[in-house]
Amino acid sequence: MHLEDTSRKLKRYFADMIKNKYIILLLILPLVAGLMSCKDNPERHLKLGNWYFQKELMDEAIMEFREVARLLPSDPSQLTREEFEILAKSHYSLALVYTKKGWYDYALTEADICFKLMPTRENHELTQLIKKRIALGADPN
């Protein structure tokens, strides 16, 4: 009788252990899956940067636009067309913010990067305008 009780207790103990491991596994899996899917979205940072820019919160806008570049692959061959556009827009926006702050050298650097990524007329014109502003030595304030 004592052997049967011990055997039953062991079976129950191992069954509880297995059951508890499954419960823990079931609790951990969604957490891990959630963390894996919480990868930052560059487009979200671009939109937030634009919102800050509209509210004239320039330092916050700079942080968001720079975050876009940090999140995307540094190798251009790994970028999709959509990522190229997002990255170019973030550099364009940085050029605008830096111009508004009077940081023309930084603005020109960002405008040049933007033009290299997306060589459009608009991006070229931005580069030329910033170069003219630097040549004038004008202060917007």
N, C-alpha and C. Protein backbone atom coordinates (compact mmCIF):
# COMPACT_ATOMS: atom_id res chain seq x y z
N MET A 1 0.81 -1.18 0.00
CA MET A 1 0.00 0.00 0.00
C MET A 1 0.87 1.25 0.00
N HIS A 2 1.90 1.23 0.76
CA HIS A 2 2.80 2.36 0.84
C HIS A 2 3.46 2.61 -0.53
N LEU A 3 3.80 1.57 -1.24
CA LEU A 3 4.40 1.66 -2.57
C LEU A 3 3.43 2.27 -3.57
N GLU A 4 2.15 1.87 -3.46
CA GLU A 4 1.14 2.43 -4.36
C GLU A 4 0.94 3.92 -4.10
N ASP A 5 0.91 4.33 -2.85
CA ASP A 5 0.78 5.75 -2.52
C ASP A 5 1.96 6.55 -3.05
N THR A 6 3.14 6.01 -2.88
CA THR A 6 4.34 6.69 -3.36
C THR A 6 4.31 6.79 -4.88
N SER A 7 3.90 5.72 -5.53
CA SER A 7 3.81 5.71 -6.99
C SER A 7 2.79 6.74 -7.47
N ARG A 8 1.63 6.81 -6.82
CA ARG A 8 0.60 7.78 -7.17
C ARG A 8 1.10 9.21 -6.96
N LYS A 9 1.79 9.43 -5.85
CA LYS A 9 2.31 10.77 -5.56
C LYS A 9 3.35 11.18 -6.59
N LEU A 10 4.20 10.24 -6.98
CA LEU A 10 5.19 10.55 -8.00
C LEU A 10 4.53 10.87 -9.34
N LYS A 11 3.54 10.08 -9.72
CA LYS A 11 2.83 10.33 -10.97
C LYS A 11 2.17 11.70 -10.94
N ARG A 12 1.52 12.03 -9.83
CA ARG A 12 0.87 13.32 -9.68
C ARG A 12 1.90 14.45 -9.71
N TYR A 13 3.04 14.24 -9.05
CA TYR A 13 4.11 15.24 -9.02
C TYR A 13 4.61 15.53 -10.43
N PHE A 14 4.92 14.46 -11.19
CA PHE A 14 5.41 14.65 -12.56
C PHE A 14 4.33 15.22 -13.48
N ALA A 15 3.10 14.81 -13.28
CA ALA A 15 2.01 15.37 -14.08
C ALA A 15 1.86 16.86 -13.80
N ASP A 16 1.97 17.25 -12.52
CA ASP A 16 1.89 18.67 -12.16
C ASP A 16 3.07 19.45 -12.74
N MET A 17 4.25 18.84 -12.71
CA MET A 17 5.43 19.52 -13.27
C MET A 17 5.24 19.76 -14.77
N ILE A 18 4.79 18.74 -15.47
CA ILE A 18 4.56 18.88 -16.91
C ILE A 18 3.48 19.91 -17.17
N LYS A 19 2.42 19.84 -16.40
CA LYS A 19 1.32 20.80 -16.55
C LYS A 19 1.82 22.22 -16.29
N ASN A 20 2.62 22.41 -15.24
CA ASN A 20 3.15 23.73 -14.91
C ASN A 20 4.10 24.25 -15.99
N LYS A 21 4.91 23.35 -16.55
CA LYS A 21 5.81 23.77 -17.63
C LYS A 21 5.01 24.23 -18.83
N TYR A 22 3.94 23.53 -19.14
CA TYR A 22 3.10 23.95 -20.26
C TYR A 22 2.44 25.30 -19.98
N ILE A 23 2.00 25.47 -18.75
CA ILE A 23 1.38 26.75 -18.38
C ILE A 23 2.41 27.87 -18.50
N ILE A 24 3.61 27.65 -17.99
CA ILE A 24 4.66 28.67 -18.07
C ILE A 24 5.01 28.93 -19.53
N LEU A 25 5.11 27.87 -20.31
CA LEU A 25 5.41 28.01 -21.73
C LEU A 25 4.31 28.80 -22.44
N LEU A 26 3.07 28.50 -22.10
CA LEU A 26 1.95 29.22 -22.71
C LEU A 26 1.93 30.70 -22.30
N LEU A 27 2.42 31.00 -21.12
CA LEU A 27 2.49 32.38 -20.67
C LEU A 27 3.67 33.11 -21.30
N ILE A 28 4.77 32.42 -21.50
CA ILE A 28 5.98 33.04 -22.02
C ILE A 28 5.91 33.24 -23.54
N LEU A 29 5.33 32.31 -24.26
CA LEU A 29 5.31 32.41 -25.72
C LEU A 29 4.67 33.69 -26.24
N PRO A 30 3.51 34.09 -25.75
CA PRO A 30 2.95 35.36 -26.24
C PRO A 30 3.83 36.55 -25.91
N LEU A 31 4.48 36.51 -24.75
CA LEU A 31 5.37 37.60 -24.37
C LEU A 31 6.55 37.70 -25.34
N VAL A 32 7.15 36.57 -25.64
CA VAL A 32 8.27 36.55 -26.58
C VAL A 32 7.81 36.99 -27.97
N ALA A 33 6.68 36.48 -28.40
CA ALA A 33 6.13 36.87 -29.71
C ALA A 33 5.84 38.37 -29.75
N GLY A 34 5.33 38.90 -28.67
CA GLY A 34 5.04 40.33 -28.59
C GLY A 34 6.30 41.16 -28.68
N LEU A 35 7.33 40.73 -27.99
CA LEU A 35 8.60 41.46 -28.04
C LEU A 35 9.21 41.42 -29.43
N MET A 36 9.07 40.29 -30.10
CA MET A 36 9.62 40.15 -31.45
C MET A 36 8.87 41.05 -32.43
N SER A 37 7.57 41.21 -32.23
CA SER A 37 6.77 42.01 -33.16
C SER A 37 6.77 43.49 -32.82
N CYS A 38 7.40 43.90 -31.72
CA CYS A 38 7.41 45.30 -31.31
C CYS A 38 8.56 46.07 -31.95
N LYS A 39 9.12 45.53 -33.02
CA LYS A 39 10.20 46.20 -33.71
C LYS A 39 9.72 47.59 -34.12
N ASP A 40 10.56 48.59 -33.89
CA ASP A 40 10.18 49.96 -34.21
C ASP A 40 9.91 50.13 -35.69
N ASN A 41 8.98 50.98 -36.00
CA ASN A 41 8.55 51.23 -37.36
C ASN A 41 9.08 52.60 -37.81
N PRO A 42 10.00 52.62 -38.79
CA PRO A 42 10.55 53.90 -39.24
C PRO A 42 9.49 54.88 -39.73
N GLU A 43 8.47 54.37 -40.39
CA GLU A 43 7.42 55.25 -40.91
C GLU A 43 6.68 55.95 -39.76
N ARG A 44 6.51 55.25 -38.66
CA ARG A 44 5.85 55.85 -37.49
C ARG A 44 6.70 57.00 -36.95
N HIS A 45 8.02 56.81 -36.92
CA HIS A 45 8.91 57.88 -36.45
C HIS A 45 8.90 59.07 -37.41
N LEU A 46 8.80 58.79 -38.71
CA LEU A 46 8.72 59.86 -39.70
C LEU A 46 7.45 60.69 -39.48
N LYS A 47 6.34 60.01 -39.28
CA LYS A 47 5.07 60.72 -39.05
C LYS A 47 5.11 61.53 -37.75
N LEU A 48 5.68 60.94 -36.72
CA LEU A 48 5.78 61.66 -35.45
C LEU A 48 6.70 62.87 -35.58
N GLY A 49 7.80 62.70 -36.31
CA GLY A 49 8.71 63.82 -36.56
C GLY A 49 8.00 64.95 -37.31
N ASN A 50 7.19 64.59 -38.29
CA ASN A 50 6.42 65.60 -39.03
C ASN A 50 5.43 66.32 -38.11
N TRP A 51 4.83 65.58 -37.21
CA TRP A 51 3.89 66.19 -36.27
C TRP A 51 4.62 67.18 -35.36
N TYR A 52 5.79 66.77 -34.84
CA TYR A 52 6.58 67.68 -34.01
C TYR A 52 6.98 68.92 -34.80
N PHE A 53 7.37 68.72 -36.05
CA PHE A 53 7.77 69.84 -36.90
C PHE A 53 6.62 70.82 -37.07
N GLN A 54 5.42 70.31 -37.30
CA GLN A 54 4.25 71.17 -37.46
C GLN A 54 3.96 71.95 -36.17
N LYS A 55 4.25 71.33 -35.04
CA LYS A 55 4.02 71.99 -33.74
C LYS A 55 5.22 72.85 -33.33
N GLU A 56 6.22 72.94 -34.23
CA GLU A 56 7.45 73.70 -34.00
C GLU A 56 8.25 73.21 -32.80
N LEU A 57 8.20 71.92 -32.57
CA LEU A 57 9.01 71.27 -31.54
C LEU A 57 10.22 70.66 -32.26
N MET A 58 11.18 71.52 -32.61
CA MET A 58 12.26 71.14 -33.51
C MET A 58 13.20 70.08 -32.94
N ASP A 59 13.54 70.18 -31.67
CA ASP A 59 14.45 69.18 -31.10
C ASP A 59 13.82 67.79 -31.09
N GLU A 60 12.55 67.72 -30.78
CA GLU A 60 11.85 66.44 -30.80
C GLU A 60 11.74 65.89 -32.23
N ALA A 61 11.50 66.79 -33.17
CA ALA A 61 11.42 66.38 -34.58
C ALA A 61 12.77 65.82 -35.04
N ILE A 62 13.84 66.46 -34.66
CA ILE A 62 15.18 65.98 -35.02
C ILE A 62 15.39 64.56 -34.50
N MET A 63 15.02 64.35 -33.26
CA MET A 63 15.19 63.00 -32.66
C MET A 63 14.43 61.95 -33.47
N GLU A 64 13.22 62.25 -33.85
CA GLU A 64 12.40 61.28 -34.59
C GLU A 64 12.95 61.03 -36.00
N PHE A 65 13.34 62.10 -36.68
CA PHE A 65 13.87 61.93 -38.04
C PHE A 65 15.19 61.16 -38.02
N ARG A 66 16.00 61.38 -37.02
CA ARG A 66 17.27 60.64 -36.91
C ARG A 66 17.02 59.18 -36.57
N GLU A 67 15.97 58.92 -35.82
CA GLU A 67 15.63 57.54 -35.47
C GLU A 67 15.28 56.73 -36.71
N VAL A 68 14.68 57.37 -37.70
CA VAL A 68 14.34 56.67 -38.95
C VAL A 68 15.60 56.08 -39.56
N ALA A 69 16.65 56.88 -39.67
CA ALA A 69 17.90 56.40 -40.26
C ALA A 69 18.53 55.31 -39.41
N ARG A 70 18.40 55.41 -38.11
CA ARG A 70 18.99 54.39 -37.23
C ARG A 70 18.29 53.04 -37.40
N LEU A 71 17.00 53.07 -37.63
CA LEU A 71 16.23 51.83 -37.71
C LEU A 71 16.38 51.10 -39.04
N LEU A 72 16.69 51.83 -40.09
CA LEU A 72 16.78 51.22 -41.41
C LEU A 72 18.18 50.67 -41.67
N PRO A 73 18.29 49.65 -42.52
CA PRO A 73 19.63 49.09 -42.83
C PRO A 73 20.55 50.16 -43.40
N SER A 74 21.82 50.12 -42.99
CA SER A 74 22.78 51.12 -43.47
C SER A 74 23.24 50.81 -44.89
N ASP A 75 23.06 49.58 -45.34
CA ASP A 75 23.42 49.19 -46.70
C ASP A 75 22.25 49.49 -47.63
N PRO A 76 22.40 50.44 -48.55
CA PRO A 76 21.29 50.81 -49.45
C PRO A 76 20.75 49.64 -50.27
N SER A 77 21.58 48.64 -50.54
CA SER A 77 21.09 47.51 -51.34
C SER A 77 20.08 46.66 -50.58
N GLN A 78 19.99 46.85 -49.28
CA GLN A 78 19.03 46.11 -48.47
C GLN A 78 17.72 46.85 -48.27
N LEU A 79 17.62 48.07 -48.79
CA LEU A 79 16.41 48.86 -48.62
C LEU A 79 15.39 48.55 -49.72
N THR A 80 14.14 48.50 -49.33
CA THR A 80 13.06 48.40 -50.32
C THR A 80 12.81 49.80 -50.87
N ARG A 81 12.03 49.89 -51.92
CA ARG A 81 11.70 51.20 -52.49
C ARG A 81 11.00 52.08 -51.45
N GLU A 82 10.10 51.48 -50.71
CA GLU A 82 9.37 52.23 -49.67
C GLU A 82 10.33 52.74 -48.60
N GLU A 83 11.30 51.90 -48.21
CA GLU A 83 12.28 52.33 -47.21
C GLU A 83 13.16 53.45 -47.75
N PHE A 84 13.53 53.37 -49.04
CA PHE A 84 14.28 54.47 -49.66
C PHE A 84 13.52 55.78 -49.53
N GLU A 85 12.23 55.73 -49.84
CA GLU A 85 11.40 56.94 -49.78
C GLU A 85 11.29 57.47 -48.36
N ILE A 86 11.10 56.56 -47.41
CA ILE A 86 11.01 56.97 -46.00
C ILE A 86 12.31 57.60 -45.54
N LEU A 87 13.42 56.97 -45.90
CA LEU A 87 14.74 57.48 -45.51
C LEU A 87 15.00 58.84 -46.15
N ALA A 88 14.69 58.96 -47.44
CA ALA A 88 14.90 60.24 -48.13
C ALA A 88 14.03 61.34 -47.50
N LYS A 89 12.79 61.01 -47.18
CA LYS A 89 11.90 61.99 -46.54
C LYS A 89 12.43 62.43 -45.19
N SER A 90 13.01 61.49 -44.44
CA SER A 90 13.54 61.86 -43.13
C SER A 90 14.73 62.80 -43.28
N HIS A 91 15.60 62.56 -44.26
CA HIS A 91 16.74 63.46 -44.48
C HIS A 91 16.27 64.82 -45.01
N TYR A 92 15.25 64.81 -45.87
CA TYR A 92 14.67 66.06 -46.37
C TYR A 92 14.11 66.87 -45.19
N SER A 93 13.38 66.19 -44.33
CA SER A 93 12.79 66.86 -43.17
C SER A 93 13.85 67.37 -42.22
N LEU A 94 14.91 66.59 -42.03
CA LEU A 94 16.01 67.06 -41.18
C LEU A 94 16.63 68.33 -41.78
N ALA A 95 16.78 68.36 -43.10
CA ALA A 95 17.33 69.55 -43.75
C ALA A 95 16.45 70.77 -43.47
N LEU A 96 15.14 70.57 -43.52
CA LEU A 96 14.22 71.68 -43.24
C LEU A 96 14.33 72.14 -41.78
N VAL A 97 14.37 71.17 -40.87
CA VAL A 97 14.45 71.52 -39.44
C VAL A 97 15.76 72.26 -39.16
N TYR A 98 16.86 71.73 -39.68
CA TYR A 98 18.16 72.38 -39.45
C TYR A 98 18.18 73.78 -40.06
N THR A 99 17.55 73.95 -41.22
CA THR A 99 17.47 75.28 -41.83
C THR A 99 16.68 76.22 -40.92
N LYS A 100 15.58 75.73 -40.40
CA LYS A 100 14.74 76.55 -39.51
C LYS A 100 15.51 76.96 -38.25
N LYS A 101 16.39 76.08 -37.78
CA LYS A 101 17.20 76.39 -36.59
C LYS A 101 18.42 77.23 -36.93
N GLY A 102 18.68 77.43 -38.24
CA GLY A 102 19.84 78.20 -38.66
C GLY A 102 21.12 77.38 -38.75
N TRP A 103 21.01 76.09 -38.73
CA TRP A 103 22.16 75.19 -38.80
C TRP A 103 22.36 74.77 -40.27
N TYR A 104 22.84 75.68 -41.07
CA TYR A 104 22.87 75.48 -42.51
C TYR A 104 23.84 74.39 -42.97
N ASP A 105 24.97 74.25 -42.30
CA ASP A 105 25.91 73.19 -42.70
C ASP A 105 25.28 71.80 -42.50
N TYR A 106 24.62 71.63 -41.38
CA TYR A 106 23.92 70.35 -41.13
C TYR A 106 22.78 70.16 -42.14
N ALA A 107 22.09 71.26 -42.43
CA ALA A 107 20.98 71.19 -43.38
C ALA A 107 21.47 70.77 -44.75
N LEU A 108 22.61 71.31 -45.17
CA LEU A 108 23.16 70.96 -46.47
C LEU A 108 23.58 69.50 -46.52
N THR A 109 24.17 69.02 -45.46
CA THR A 109 24.55 67.60 -45.39
C THR A 109 23.33 66.71 -45.57
N GLU A 110 22.26 67.02 -44.85
CA GLU A 110 21.04 66.22 -44.94
C GLU A 110 20.40 66.33 -46.33
N ALA A 111 20.42 67.53 -46.90
CA ALA A 111 19.85 67.72 -48.24
C ALA A 111 20.64 66.93 -49.28
N ASP A 112 21.97 66.91 -49.13
CA ASP A 112 22.80 66.13 -50.05
C ASP A 112 22.50 64.64 -49.95
N ILE A 113 22.36 64.14 -48.74
CA ILE A 113 22.02 62.73 -48.54
C ILE A 113 20.67 62.42 -49.17
N CYS A 114 19.72 63.31 -48.94
CA CYS A 114 18.38 63.14 -49.50
C CYS A 114 18.45 63.06 -51.03
N PHE A 115 19.21 63.96 -51.64
CA PHE A 115 19.31 63.98 -53.10
C PHE A 115 20.00 62.72 -53.62
N LYS A 116 21.00 62.23 -52.90
CA LYS A 116 21.67 60.99 -53.33
C LYS A 116 20.73 59.80 -53.27
N LEU A 117 19.87 59.78 -52.26
CA LEU A 117 18.91 58.68 -52.13
C LEU A 117 17.81 58.77 -53.18
N MET A 118 17.28 59.96 -53.37
CA MET A 118 16.18 60.18 -54.31
C MET A 118 16.49 61.43 -55.13
N PRO A 119 17.18 61.26 -56.24
CA PRO A 119 17.57 62.43 -57.04
C PRO A 119 16.41 63.04 -57.83
N THR A 120 15.57 63.73 -57.10
CA THR A 120 14.42 64.39 -57.72
C THR A 120 14.70 65.89 -57.85
N ARG A 121 13.89 66.55 -58.64
CA ARG A 121 14.02 67.99 -58.82
C ARG A 121 13.84 68.73 -57.49
N GLU A 122 12.82 68.32 -56.75
CA GLU A 122 12.54 68.95 -55.45
C GLU A 122 13.74 68.84 -54.51
N ASN A 123 14.35 67.66 -54.44
CA ASN A 123 15.49 67.46 -53.56
C ASN A 123 16.71 68.26 -54.02
N HIS A 124 16.89 68.36 -55.33
CA HIS A 124 17.98 69.17 -55.88
C HIS A 124 17.76 70.65 -55.55
N GLU A 125 16.54 71.11 -55.71
CA GLU A 125 16.22 72.52 -55.41
C GLU A 125 16.47 72.84 -53.94
N LEU A 126 16.15 71.90 -53.06
CA LEU A 126 16.41 72.13 -51.64
C LEU A 126 17.91 72.31 -51.40
N THR A 127 18.70 71.46 -52.00
CA THR A 127 20.16 71.56 -51.86
C THR A 127 20.65 72.92 -52.37
N GLN A 128 20.15 73.34 -53.52
CA GLN A 128 20.58 74.62 -54.09
C GLN A 128 20.15 75.81 -53.22
N LEU A 129 18.94 75.75 -52.68
CA LEU A 129 18.48 76.84 -51.81
C LEU A 129 19.34 76.97 -50.56
N ILE A 130 19.69 75.85 -49.98
CA ILE A 130 20.52 75.89 -48.76
C ILE A 130 21.91 76.43 -49.11
N LYS A 131 22.46 76.03 -50.26
CA LYS A 131 23.77 76.55 -50.67
C LYS A 131 23.71 78.06 -50.86
N LYS A 132 22.63 78.57 -51.45
CA LYS A 132 22.47 80.00 -51.63
C LYS A 132 22.38 80.71 -50.28
N ARG A 133 21.67 80.09 -49.35
CA ARG A 133 21.51 80.69 -48.01
C ARG A 133 22.86 80.76 -47.30
N ILE A 134 23.66 79.71 -47.46
CA ILE A 134 24.99 79.69 -46.86
C ILE A 134 25.85 80.77 -47.49
N ALA A 135 25.78 80.90 -48.83
CA ALA A 135 26.56 81.92 -49.53
C ALA A 135 26.19 83.33 -49.10
N LEU A 136 24.91 83.54 -48.81
CA LEU A 136 24.46 84.88 -48.36
C LEU A 136 24.87 85.16 -46.93
N GLY A 137 25.05 84.10 -46.16
CA GLY A 137 25.37 84.28 -44.75
C GLY A 137 24.20 84.86 -43.99
N ALA A 138 23.00 84.68 -44.52
CA ALA A 138 21.80 85.27 -43.93
C ALA A 138 21.36 84.50 -42.70
N ASP A 139 20.84 85.25 -41.75
CA ASP A 139 20.24 84.67 -40.55
C ASP A 139 18.72 84.84 -40.66
N PRO A 140 17.95 83.74 -40.62
CA PRO A 140 16.51 83.84 -40.80
C PRO A 140 15.80 84.59 -39.68
N ASN A 141 16.43 84.74 -38.54
CA ASN A 141 15.78 85.40 -37.40
C ASN A 141 16.04 86.85 -37.48
